Amino acid sequence: MSFQRKINIYVNEKRIEVELGTKVIDLYSKVKPDADIVILNGFPLREKEQYFQILKENDRVVLIRRGEIPSKDELESLIVARHTPGVYEKLKKASVGIAGLGGLGSNVAISLARVGIGKLILVDFDVVEPSNLNRQQYGIKHIGMLKTEAIKEILFEINPYVNIITFTEVIDENNIQRLFSEADILVEAFDSPEGKKMLIETFHKYFPSRPLISASGLAGFYSSNSIKVRKVTKYLYVVGDECHSAGIGEGLMSPRVGITANMQANTVVRIIMGEEQP
């Protein structure tokens, strides 16, 4: 007696069982023949011969039809279709705090929402004003809104599956423990050196073994290559060139602020994935 072996794969993040030897084209034809985007393990298939690959155990296939509004059940899996396999499950369990929602914080929040961080704890006391628009992730319609409310609105439109907790208050030594008690990792996104120092010292006083990702040196239009991630201590990272701070004649603009913010966000992802080195 012979037995036909089967394997488990994921189609739009739902686990199904298929016959051993099943090809991508077999699955495509059976499950969603009108799909015009086929993604295998995070990579979109564009060449005809790629559709004849034989599926392996735990392969992830995403089938998308352009312009089709997916169901709520499918949307989350489609958002992360281009992720590296195995990443999203870890990111979804993580909780990240962001102290400040200006040029750094608003950019970091959007990147982390796009990758699917499970919980974002966002804190800022300020409102959106016109000069913010040159580097912060707000639009004209947000002017006058609290940054906490504006960013929540933006993030919900990007990824409604992220649990967003906001606090509209000034961060100081007396409330850091309360505000960020549930944060596995904290991102510092302050403007002033004094505020940065206070946040780092106070957070590590209460949570000495939780990573904190700070930023220093992102002003002007200097070379992007000068922005780096440096591991200062076991639980403290600094992103930037550590030279060019904002000042008179040295402004903050979207390109370098955005680069720094996204390097902060990428450092968060690396830590969650167990990569502790910059």
Protein backbone atom coordinates (compact mmCIF):
# COMPACT_ATOMS: atom_id res chain seq x y z
CA MET A 1 0.00 0.00 0.00
CA SER A 2 1.36 3.42 -0.93
CA PHE A 3 0.48 6.73 0.66
CA GLN A 4 0.47 10.09 -1.08
CA ARG A 5 2.51 12.50 1.02
CA LYS A 6 1.16 15.96 1.68
CA ILE A 7 2.77 19.19 2.83
CA ASN A 8 1.50 22.29 4.63
CA ILE A 9 1.79 25.68 2.98
CA TYR A 10 0.25 29.11 3.61
CA VAL A 11 -1.99 30.84 1.09
CA ASN A 12 -2.74 34.46 2.06
CA GLU A 13 -1.54 33.44 5.54
CA LYS A 14 -4.04 30.57 5.88
CA ARG A 15 -2.49 27.16 6.29
CA ILE A 16 -3.65 24.54 3.82
CA GLU A 17 -2.54 21.03 2.91
CA VAL A 18 -1.48 20.24 -0.65
CA GLU A 19 -0.09 17.21 -2.44
CA LEU A 20 3.66 16.77 -2.49
CA GLY A 21 4.92 18.04 -5.85
CA THR A 22 2.31 20.79 -6.17
CA LYS A 23 3.59 23.68 -8.27
CA VAL A 24 2.80 27.37 -7.86
CA ILE A 25 0.79 27.31 -11.08
CA ASP A 26 -1.34 24.42 -9.78
CA LEU A 27 -2.21 26.39 -6.66
CA TYR A 28 -2.82 29.58 -8.62
CA SER A 29 -5.19 27.83 -11.01
CA LYS A 30 -7.13 26.17 -8.22
CA VAL A 31 -7.35 28.91 -5.57
CA LYS A 32 -7.45 32.25 -7.41
CA PRO A 33 -7.05 31.98 -11.19
CA ASP A 34 -7.92 35.67 -11.68
CA ALA A 35 -4.99 36.82 -9.51
CA ASP A 36 -2.50 38.97 -11.39
CA ILE A 37 0.06 39.26 -8.57
CA VAL A 38 1.61 36.09 -7.16
CA ILE A 39 4.11 36.42 -4.31
CA LEU A 40 6.18 33.45 -3.13
CA ASN A 41 8.01 33.81 0.18
CA GLY A 42 8.02 37.59 -0.09
CA PHE A 43 9.10 37.75 -3.76
CA PRO A 44 6.73 38.58 -6.64
CA LEU A 45 6.87 36.07 -9.50
CA ARG A 46 7.27 37.83 -12.85
CA GLU A 47 8.74 35.20 -15.18
CA LYS A 48 6.60 32.38 -16.58
CA GLU A 49 9.06 29.69 -15.52
CA GLN A 50 8.86 30.84 -11.89
CA TYR A 51 5.25 29.62 -11.76
CA PHE A 52 6.48 26.03 -12.26
CA GLN A 53 8.45 25.95 -9.01
CA ILE A 54 7.51 23.05 -6.76
CA LEU A 55 6.18 24.19 -3.40
CA LYS A 56 7.97 23.16 -0.21
CA GLU A 57 6.81 22.69 3.38
CA ASN A 58 5.75 26.01 4.99
CA ASP A 59 6.12 28.04 1.78
CA ARG A 60 4.04 31.21 1.80
CA VAL A 61 2.06 32.16 -1.29
CA VAL A 62 0.06 35.37 -1.64
CA LEU A 63 -2.43 35.79 -4.48
CA ILE A 64 -3.68 39.30 -5.24
CA ARG A 65 -5.98 40.72 -7.87
CA ARG A 66 -5.16 44.35 -8.66
CA GLY A 67 -7.83 46.83 -7.63
CA GLU A 68 -9.80 44.29 -5.61
CA ILE A 69 -10.71 45.38 -2.08
CA PRO A 70 -9.80 42.41 0.11
CA SER A 71 -11.95 41.15 2.95
CA LYS A 72 -11.00 42.17 6.46
CA ASP A 73 -9.75 38.64 7.09
CA GLU A 74 -7.40 38.81 4.09
CA LEU A 75 -6.19 42.39 4.38
CA GLU A 76 -3.69 41.83 7.17
CA SER A 77 -1.96 39.02 5.31
CA LEU A 78 -1.80 41.06 2.11
CA ILE A 79 -0.24 44.05 3.88
CA VAL A 80 2.74 41.91 4.90
CA ALA A 81 2.93 39.85 1.70
CA ARG A 82 6.36 41.26 0.81
CA HIS A 83 7.87 40.55 4.24
CA THR A 84 10.69 38.10 4.67
CA PRO A 85 9.02 34.84 5.83
CA GLY A 86 8.90 34.35 9.59
CA VAL A 87 9.36 38.04 10.44
CA TYR A 88 5.77 39.17 10.89
CA GLU A 89 4.95 36.65 13.61
CA LYS A 90 7.68 38.11 15.84
CA LEU A 91 6.91 41.74 15.03
CA LYS A 92 3.24 41.29 15.86
CA LYS A 93 4.14 40.23 19.42
CA ALA A 94 6.30 43.30 20.07
CA SER A 95 5.44 46.55 21.83
CA VAL A 96 7.42 49.69 20.92
CA GLY A 97 7.29 53.12 22.55
CA ILE A 98 8.02 56.34 20.66
CA ALA A 99 8.84 59.45 22.71
CA GLY A 100 7.96 62.42 20.50
CA LEU A 101 5.97 62.50 17.26
CA GLY A 102 7.83 65.11 15.22
CA GLY A 103 10.19 64.52 12.32
CA LEU A 104 11.74 61.40 13.78
CA GLY A 105 8.79 60.01 15.72
CA SER A 106 6.12 60.36 13.03
CA ASN A 107 8.40 58.71 10.45
CA VAL A 108 9.37 55.89 12.81
CA ALA A 109 5.71 55.28 13.71
CA ILE A 110 4.71 54.93 10.06
CA SER A 111 7.55 52.54 9.24
CA LEU A 112 6.79 50.37 12.25
CA ALA A 113 3.08 50.33 11.44
CA ARG A 114 3.88 49.24 7.89
CA VAL A 115 5.98 46.30 9.09
CA GLY A 116 3.24 45.28 11.52
CA ILE A 117 4.50 45.97 15.04
CA GLY A 118 1.82 44.65 17.38
CA LYS A 119 1.59 47.65 19.70
CA LEU A 120 2.79 51.25 19.40
CA ILE A 121 2.85 53.50 22.47
CA LEU A 122 3.00 57.08 21.15
CA VAL A 123 3.56 60.14 23.33
CA ASP A 124 3.61 63.85 22.42
CA PHE A 125 2.03 66.99 23.85
CA ASP A 126 2.15 69.25 20.80
CA VAL A 127 -0.11 70.18 17.87
CA VAL A 128 0.72 70.09 14.17
CA GLU A 129 1.78 73.46 12.75
CA PRO A 130 2.82 74.55 9.23
CA SER A 131 6.59 74.39 9.71
CA ASN A 132 6.23 70.71 10.65
CA LEU A 133 5.20 69.81 7.11
CA ASN A 134 8.75 70.02 5.73
CA ARG A 135 9.81 66.79 7.48
CA GLN A 136 6.97 65.34 9.55
CA GLN A 137 4.36 62.87 8.30
CA TYR A 138 1.38 65.21 8.53
CA GLY A 139 -0.65 67.07 5.93
CA ILE A 140 -2.36 70.42 5.70
CA LYS A 141 -5.59 68.93 7.03
CA HIS A 142 -3.80 68.01 10.27
CA ILE A 143 -2.70 71.57 11.13
CA GLY A 144 -4.03 72.43 14.59
CA MET A 145 -4.67 68.79 15.51
CA LEU A 146 -2.88 67.14 18.39
CA LYS A 147 -0.03 65.10 16.97
CA THR A 148 -1.23 62.05 18.89
CA GLU A 149 -4.63 62.27 17.18
CA ALA A 150 -3.22 63.08 13.75
CA ILE A 151 -0.73 60.20 13.74
CA LYS A 152 -3.38 57.78 14.97
CA GLU A 153 -5.57 58.77 12.01
CA ILE A 154 -2.69 58.30 9.57
CA LEU A 155 -1.61 54.94 11.01
CA PHE A 156 -5.13 53.55 10.97
CA GLU A 157 -5.28 54.22 7.23
CA ILE A 158 -2.02 52.30 6.76
CA ASN A 159 -2.46 49.32 9.08
CA PRO A 160 -5.62 49.03 11.19
CA TYR A 161 -4.27 45.89 12.89
CA VAL A 162 -1.69 47.75 15.02
CA ASN A 163 -2.77 48.41 18.61
CA ILE A 164 -2.12 52.14 19.02
CA ILE A 165 -1.90 53.64 22.52
CA THR A 166 -1.46 57.42 22.73
CA PHE A 167 -0.71 59.81 25.57
CA THR A 168 -0.99 63.56 25.06
CA GLU A 169 1.35 64.93 27.71
CA VAL A 170 4.81 66.31 28.28
CA ILE A 171 7.33 63.55 29.00
CA ASP A 172 9.42 64.09 32.12
CA GLU A 173 11.21 62.14 34.86
CA ASN A 174 7.94 61.64 36.74
CA ASN A 175 5.91 59.86 34.06
CA ILE A 176 8.38 57.87 31.95
CA GLN A 177 7.92 54.72 34.01
CA ARG A 178 4.14 54.91 33.68
CA LEU A 179 4.04 55.88 30.01
CA PHE A 180 6.44 53.23 28.74
CA SER A 181 5.94 50.38 31.21
CA GLU A 182 4.66 48.12 28.41
CA ALA A 183 7.30 49.04 25.83
CA ASP A 184 9.78 46.28 24.98
CA ILE A 185 11.88 48.87 23.11
CA LEU A 186 11.85 52.68 23.27
CA VAL A 187 12.62 55.07 20.41
CA GLU A 188 13.82 58.52 21.48
CA ALA A 189 12.58 61.24 19.10
CA PHE A 190 13.17 64.48 20.99
CA ASP A 191 14.57 67.77 19.67
CA SER A 192 16.74 68.93 22.55
CA PRO A 193 19.97 67.33 23.86
CA GLU A 194 18.75 67.92 27.42
CA GLY A 195 15.51 66.06 26.73
CA LYS A 196 17.39 63.18 25.12
CA LYS A 197 19.72 62.85 28.10
CA MET A 198 16.83 62.94 30.57
CA LEU A 199 14.87 60.30 28.67
CA ILE A 200 17.80 57.90 28.31
CA GLU A 201 18.85 58.16 31.94
CA THR A 202 15.33 57.89 33.35
CA PHE A 203 14.18 55.05 31.11
CA HIS A 204 17.23 52.97 31.93
CA LYS A 205 16.85 53.75 35.60
CA TYR A 206 13.47 51.99 35.57
CA PHE A 207 14.06 49.54 32.72
CA PRO A 208 17.82 48.84 32.66
CA SER A 209 17.62 45.84 30.32
CA ARG A 210 15.29 47.27 27.67
CA PRO A 211 16.79 48.65 24.45
CA LEU A 212 16.55 52.38 23.71
CA ILE A 213 17.29 53.81 20.27
CA SER A 214 18.30 57.47 20.28
CA ALA A 215 19.27 59.87 17.49
CA SER A 216 21.93 62.55 17.20
CA GLY A 217 23.16 64.50 14.18
CA LEU A 218 20.60 64.68 11.37
CA ALA A 219 20.51 68.33 10.38
CA GLY A 220 21.35 69.84 7.00
CA PHE A 221 21.93 68.14 3.66
CA TYR A 222 25.22 66.42 4.39
CA SER A 223 26.05 63.02 2.95
CA SER A 224 23.59 60.26 3.72
CA ASN A 225 26.60 57.97 4.14
CA SER A 226 27.60 59.80 7.32
CA ILE A 227 24.47 58.57 9.13
CA LYS A 228 25.22 55.39 11.03
CA VAL A 229 23.95 53.21 13.86
CA ARG A 230 26.32 52.96 16.83
CA LYS A 231 25.84 50.62 19.78
CA VAL A 232 26.91 52.66 22.78
CA THR A 233 26.10 50.14 25.51
CA LYS A 234 24.38 46.77 25.57
CA TYR A 235 20.95 48.48 25.58
CA LEU A 236 21.62 51.89 23.99
CA TYR A 237 21.89 52.64 20.27
CA VAL A 238 22.49 56.05 18.65
CA VAL A 239 21.55 56.80 15.03
CA GLY A 240 22.89 59.80 13.09
CA ASP A 241 26.22 61.38 12.25
CA GLU A 242 26.57 62.63 15.86
CA CYS A 243 27.95 65.93 14.54
CA HIS A 244 25.36 68.05 12.76
CA SER A 245 22.65 69.10 15.20
CA ALA A 246 19.95 71.64 14.40
CA GLY A 247 20.84 75.26 15.07
CA ILE A 248 20.87 78.72 13.55
CA GLY A 249 21.81 78.27 9.91
CA GLU A 250 21.57 74.47 10.24
CA GLY A 251 18.02 73.34 9.60
CA LEU A 252 16.14 70.05 9.69
CA MET A 253 14.82 68.73 6.40
CA SER A 254 12.95 65.67 5.28
CA PRO A 255 15.69 63.60 3.55
CA ARG A 256 18.19 63.25 6.42
CA VAL A 257 15.49 63.23 9.09
CA GLY A 258 13.69 60.46 7.20
CA ILE A 259 16.88 58.44 6.71
CA THR A 260 17.68 58.65 10.42
CA ALA A 261 14.12 57.77 11.45
CA ASN A 262 14.03 54.75 9.18
CA MET A 263 17.38 53.58 10.47
CA GLN A 264 15.92 53.84 13.97
CA ALA A 265 12.91 51.79 12.82
CA ASN A 266 15.14 49.21 11.15
CA THR A 267 17.17 48.92 14.36
CA VAL A 268 13.93 48.16 16.21
CA VAL A 269 13.16 45.38 13.73
CA ARG A 270 16.69 43.95 13.98
CA ILE A 271 16.52 43.83 17.77
CA ILE A 272 13.13 42.09 17.69
CA MET A 273 14.56 39.55 15.23
CA GLY A 274 17.49 38.86 17.54
CA GLU A 275 20.09 40.88 15.64
CA GLU A 276 21.65 43.00 18.38
CA GLN A 277 24.55 44.46 16.40
CA PRO A 278 24.06 47.61 14.25
